[in-house]
Amino acid sequence: MIKCEMHLHTKGGSYCGQSLPQEIAREYFDAGYKAIVVTNHYMKSLFDSYYTQRTEKQKIKYYISLYKEVKKYCGQYGINVFLGLELNPDCMNTPTVSPAAEFLCYGVTEDFLFSNLRLYNLSQQQLYELFEKNNIIMMQSHPFRNYCVLGNPEYMHGVEVYNGHPTQQNNNNKSEQFAEKHRLKGISGSDYHARGGIGGGIYLPQNINMDYELVNYIKSNKLKLIKGNS
């Protein structure tokens, strides 16, 4: 089994991402990881104000380029890289909090993103139904941070039961209880933003190389989670 990071942000994808792709590759290699899912923030405010590209498709192209840069540098260390999202449905935000609810999404492809622009304009239910048709899974990130809005368990595949962000109060125990109560899959991720932020993920078989294989494995198996530096 190999270590796989499930929640990672890069410099250039948002205000909060601080590490360059080459720094990420080296740090994860040193930590013994063999796979990473790049889950940069996908939200209305970033696409409207932070990204400077003119058209929506140009913004998607830029979003994907951040993943491709990580993939290029990680390839030099034998680390496999998958494309993901941390998606914020805009309708779930509050007047004072944005993003109030985010979902880690696995199994997305470049073609899917180009064919389905502005995913953040959809409701949680609409996203779930769209993802079901396209073999994509959505799992709410850190649902029990104090400022977060809890999603409807009927319209998600799982929950991030362990979030390793070192400066956030994630209340991971509540996330675990929520997942158990609603029989949802539990995932773990570092919520990596900067050097020194590795502390989560899952263990995968070595033969998981494609995004759909990652999705199928998560759906069909009891996951062994990485919590902290375990």
Protein backbone atom coordinates (compact mmCIF):
# COMPACT_ATOMS: atom_id res chain seq x y z
CA MET A 1 0.00 0.00 0.00
CA ILE A 2 1.13 3.55 -0.73
CA LYS A 3 0.37 6.92 0.86
CA CYS A 4 -2.01 9.18 -1.08
CA GLU A 5 -2.75 12.81 -0.23
CA MET A 6 -6.45 13.61 -0.74
CA HIS A 7 -6.61 17.36 0.00
CA LEU A 8 -3.95 19.74 -1.33
CA HIS A 9 -3.76 23.35 -2.53
CA THR A 10 -1.11 25.03 -4.66
CA LYS A 11 0.26 28.53 -5.03
CA GLY A 12 -1.65 30.37 -7.75
CA GLY A 13 -4.91 28.54 -7.16
CA SER A 14 -6.15 30.81 -4.37
CA TYR A 15 -5.07 33.42 -1.88
CA CYS A 16 -4.19 30.76 0.69
CA GLY A 17 -2.02 28.33 -1.34
CA GLN A 18 1.65 29.08 -0.68
CA SER A 19 3.77 26.25 -2.08
CA LEU A 20 5.07 25.94 -5.63
CA PRO A 21 4.70 22.61 -7.47
CA GLN A 22 8.41 21.78 -7.24
CA GLU A 23 8.32 22.39 -3.47
CA ILE A 24 5.26 20.17 -3.10
CA ALA A 25 6.87 17.36 -5.08
CA ARG A 26 10.02 17.33 -2.97
CA GLU A 27 8.20 17.60 0.35
CA TYR A 28 5.80 14.75 -0.41
CA PHE A 29 8.64 12.59 -1.72
CA ASP A 30 10.54 13.15 1.52
CA ALA A 31 7.38 12.24 3.47
CA GLY A 32 7.06 8.94 1.61
CA TYR A 33 3.94 9.67 -0.45
CA LYS A 34 3.45 8.03 -3.86
CA ALA A 35 0.20 9.75 -4.88
CA ILE A 36 -1.48 13.15 -4.56
CA VAL A 37 -4.89 14.55 -5.47
CA VAL A 38 -4.70 18.27 -6.28
CA THR A 39 -7.89 19.82 -4.89
CA ASN A 40 -7.57 23.54 -5.45
CA HIS A 41 -10.50 25.72 -4.42
CA TYR A 42 -13.26 25.90 -7.02
CA MET A 43 -15.52 28.78 -6.04
CA LYS A 44 -17.31 31.77 -7.52
CA SER A 45 -15.27 34.50 -5.86
CA LEU A 46 -12.00 33.06 -7.16
CA PHE A 47 -13.25 32.60 -10.70
CA ASP A 48 -14.82 36.06 -10.75
CA SER A 49 -12.10 38.08 -9.01
CA TYR A 50 -8.84 36.16 -8.50
CA TYR A 51 -8.40 34.53 -11.89
CA THR A 52 -7.52 37.12 -14.52
CA GLN A 53 -8.34 35.10 -17.65
CA ARG A 54 -11.16 36.52 -19.77
CA THR A 55 -13.43 33.61 -20.62
CA GLU A 56 -14.76 30.80 -18.44
CA LYS A 57 -12.96 28.18 -20.51
CA GLN A 58 -9.69 30.09 -20.17
CA LYS A 59 -10.17 30.06 -16.41
CA ILE A 60 -10.75 26.31 -16.46
CA LYS A 61 -7.62 25.88 -18.58
CA TYR A 62 -5.65 27.83 -15.99
CA TYR A 63 -7.20 25.83 -13.13
CA ILE A 64 -6.14 22.59 -14.82
CA SER A 65 -2.66 23.96 -15.54
CA LEU A 66 -2.00 24.16 -11.79
CA TYR A 67 -2.68 20.42 -11.48
CA LYS A 68 -0.52 19.70 -14.53
CA GLU A 69 2.41 21.59 -13.02
CA VAL A 70 2.23 19.46 -9.87
CA LYS A 71 1.95 16.35 -12.03
CA LYS A 72 5.06 17.33 -14.01
CA TYR A 73 7.28 17.85 -10.98
CA CYS A 74 5.89 14.91 -9.02
CA GLY A 75 6.58 12.65 -11.99
CA GLN A 76 10.28 13.25 -11.43
CA TYR A 77 9.92 11.58 -8.03
CA GLY A 78 7.63 8.75 -9.11
CA ILE A 79 4.56 10.32 -7.49
CA ASN A 80 1.23 9.85 -9.27
CA VAL A 81 -1.06 12.90 -9.38
CA PHE A 82 -4.86 13.00 -9.74
CA LEU A 83 -7.16 15.91 -10.59
CA GLY A 84 -9.72 16.90 -7.96
CA LEU A 85 -11.72 19.88 -6.71
CA GLU A 86 -12.59 21.49 -3.44
CA LEU A 87 -15.91 22.84 -4.63
CA ASN A 88 -17.96 25.51 -2.89
CA PRO A 89 -21.64 25.69 -3.95
CA ASP A 90 -22.27 29.42 -3.84
CA CYS A 91 -25.86 28.98 -2.66
CA MET A 92 -24.61 27.44 0.60
CA ASN A 93 -22.62 30.52 1.59
CA THR A 94 -23.90 32.94 4.20
CA PRO A 95 -23.82 36.76 4.23
CA THR A 96 -20.76 36.61 6.47
CA VAL A 97 -19.00 33.36 5.49
CA SER A 98 -17.68 32.25 2.11
CA PRO A 99 -16.87 29.45 1.60
CA ALA A 100 -19.29 28.07 4.17
CA ALA A 101 -19.47 24.54 2.71
CA GLU A 102 -16.94 22.79 0.50
CA PHE A 103 -16.84 19.36 -1.09
CA LEU A 104 -13.80 17.35 -2.09
CA CYS A 105 -14.55 15.87 -5.49
CA TYR A 106 -12.71 12.92 -7.01
CA GLY A 107 -12.97 11.49 -10.51
CA VAL A 108 -13.28 14.78 -12.38
CA THR A 109 -11.70 14.95 -15.82
CA GLU A 110 -10.55 17.84 -17.94
CA ASP A 111 -13.34 17.19 -20.44
CA PHE A 112 -15.92 17.21 -17.66
CA LEU A 113 -14.75 20.59 -16.39
CA PHE A 114 -14.81 22.16 -19.85
CA SER A 115 -18.28 20.73 -20.48
CA ASN A 116 -19.73 21.82 -17.14
CA LEU A 117 -18.74 25.41 -16.46
CA ARG A 118 -19.51 27.28 -13.24
CA LEU A 119 -20.23 24.21 -11.15
CA TYR A 120 -20.42 26.49 -8.12
CA ASN A 121 -23.76 27.80 -9.41
CA LEU A 122 -25.42 24.43 -8.76
CA SER A 123 -27.04 23.31 -5.53
CA GLN A 124 -25.68 20.42 -3.51
CA GLN A 125 -28.43 18.16 -4.84
CA GLN A 126 -27.81 19.21 -8.45
CA LEU A 127 -24.09 18.56 -8.06
CA TYR A 128 -24.69 15.17 -6.51
CA GLU A 129 -27.01 14.10 -9.32
CA LEU A 130 -24.59 15.36 -11.98
CA PHE A 131 -21.66 13.61 -10.33
CA GLU A 132 -23.60 10.36 -9.98
CA LYS A 133 -24.01 10.32 -13.77
CA ASN A 134 -20.30 10.88 -14.30
CA ASN A 135 -18.74 8.55 -11.70
CA ILE A 136 -17.52 11.45 -9.55
CA ILE A 137 -17.73 11.34 -5.77
CA MET A 138 -18.21 14.33 -3.47
CA MET A 139 -17.28 14.36 0.21
CA GLN A 140 -17.79 17.36 2.46
CA SER A 141 -14.57 18.93 3.69
CA HIS A 142 -14.10 19.67 7.41
CA PRO A 143 -17.88 19.94 7.96
CA PHE A 144 -17.65 20.75 11.66
CA ARG A 145 -15.40 23.77 11.64
CA ASN A 146 -17.28 26.41 13.59
CA TYR A 147 -18.04 28.58 10.55
CA CYS A 148 -19.11 25.76 8.23
CA VAL A 149 -22.61 24.92 7.02
CA LEU A 150 -23.35 21.21 7.25
CA GLY A 151 -24.54 19.70 3.98
CA ASN A 152 -27.43 17.30 3.45
CA PRO A 153 -26.08 13.75 3.98
CA GLU A 154 -28.45 12.43 1.30
CA TYR A 155 -26.53 14.36 -1.34
CA MET A 156 -22.93 13.47 -0.61
CA HIS A 157 -20.91 10.29 -0.84
CA GLY A 158 -18.81 10.86 2.24
CA VAL A 159 -17.15 13.19 4.69
CA GLU A 160 -13.62 14.28 5.45
CA VAL A 161 -13.54 12.69 8.89
CA TYR A 162 -9.93 13.73 9.46
CA ASN A 163 -8.63 17.11 8.35
CA GLY A 164 -4.98 17.69 9.19
CA HIS A 165 -4.80 21.47 8.82
CA PRO A 166 -2.52 22.53 11.70
CA THR A 167 -4.19 25.85 12.54
CA GLN A 168 -7.91 25.06 12.19
CA GLN A 169 -10.32 23.68 14.77
CA ASN A 170 -11.73 20.86 12.68
CA ASN A 171 -13.64 18.90 15.34
CA ASN A 172 -12.74 15.69 13.52
CA ASN A 173 -14.48 13.58 16.14
CA LYS A 174 -17.82 15.14 15.19
CA SER A 175 -17.12 14.44 11.52
CA GLU A 176 -16.48 10.78 12.34
CA GLN A 177 -19.74 10.54 14.28
CA PHE A 178 -21.65 12.19 11.44
CA ALA A 179 -20.22 9.75 8.89
CA GLU A 180 -21.07 6.76 11.05
CA LYS A 181 -24.60 7.99 11.73
CA HIS A 182 -25.38 8.45 8.04
CA ARG A 183 -23.30 5.52 6.77
CA LEU A 184 -21.05 7.73 4.68
CA LYS A 185 -17.51 7.03 3.54
CA GLY A 186 -14.81 8.66 5.63
CA ILE A 187 -11.77 10.29 4.04
CA SER A 188 -8.63 11.92 5.44
CA GLY A 189 -6.63 14.81 4.00
CA SER A 190 -3.88 17.17 5.08
CA ASP A 191 -5.61 20.28 3.72
CA TYR A 192 -2.09 21.20 2.63
CA HIS A 193 -1.44 24.87 1.91
CA ALA A 194 2.20 25.42 2.85
CA ARG A 195 5.42 23.70 3.79
CA GLY A 196 5.08 21.63 6.95
CA GLY A 197 1.40 21.00 6.31
CA ILE A 198 1.46 17.27 5.57
CA GLY A 199 -0.66 15.26 7.97
CA GLY A 200 -3.36 13.20 6.26
CA GLY A 201 -4.41 11.00 3.38
CA ILE A 202 -5.31 7.39 2.69
CA TYR A 203 -3.48 4.21 1.77
CA LEU A 204 -3.97 2.92 -1.78
CA PRO A 205 -2.88 -0.17 -3.66
CA GLN A 206 0.07 0.54 -5.96
CA ASN A 207 -1.97 -0.28 -9.07
CA ILE A 208 -4.35 2.70 -8.74
CA ASN A 209 -3.18 4.95 -11.57
CA MET A 210 -6.30 6.46 -13.17
CA ASP A 211 -8.92 8.78 -11.71
CA TYR A 212 -11.76 6.31 -12.25
CA GLU A 213 -9.71 3.62 -10.48
CA LEU A 214 -9.34 5.93 -7.49
CA VAL A 215 -13.11 6.52 -7.42
CA ASN A 216 -13.92 2.83 -7.72
CA TYR A 217 -11.48 1.95 -4.94
CA ILE A 218 -12.96 4.54 -2.58
CA LYS A 219 -16.49 3.33 -3.34
CA SER A 220 -15.74 -0.36 -2.92
CA ASN A 221 -13.27 -0.64 -0.05
CA LYS A 222 -12.89 0.12 3.63
CA LEU A 223 -10.32 2.89 3.62
CA LYS A 224 -7.24 2.94 5.82
CA LEU A 225 -6.75 6.57 6.81
CA ILE A 226 -3.58 8.50 7.55
CA LYS A 227 -4.02 10.69 10.61
CA GLY A 228 -1.17 13.01 11.43
CA ASN A 229 2.21 11.53 10.56
CA SER A 230 1.09 7.90 10.86
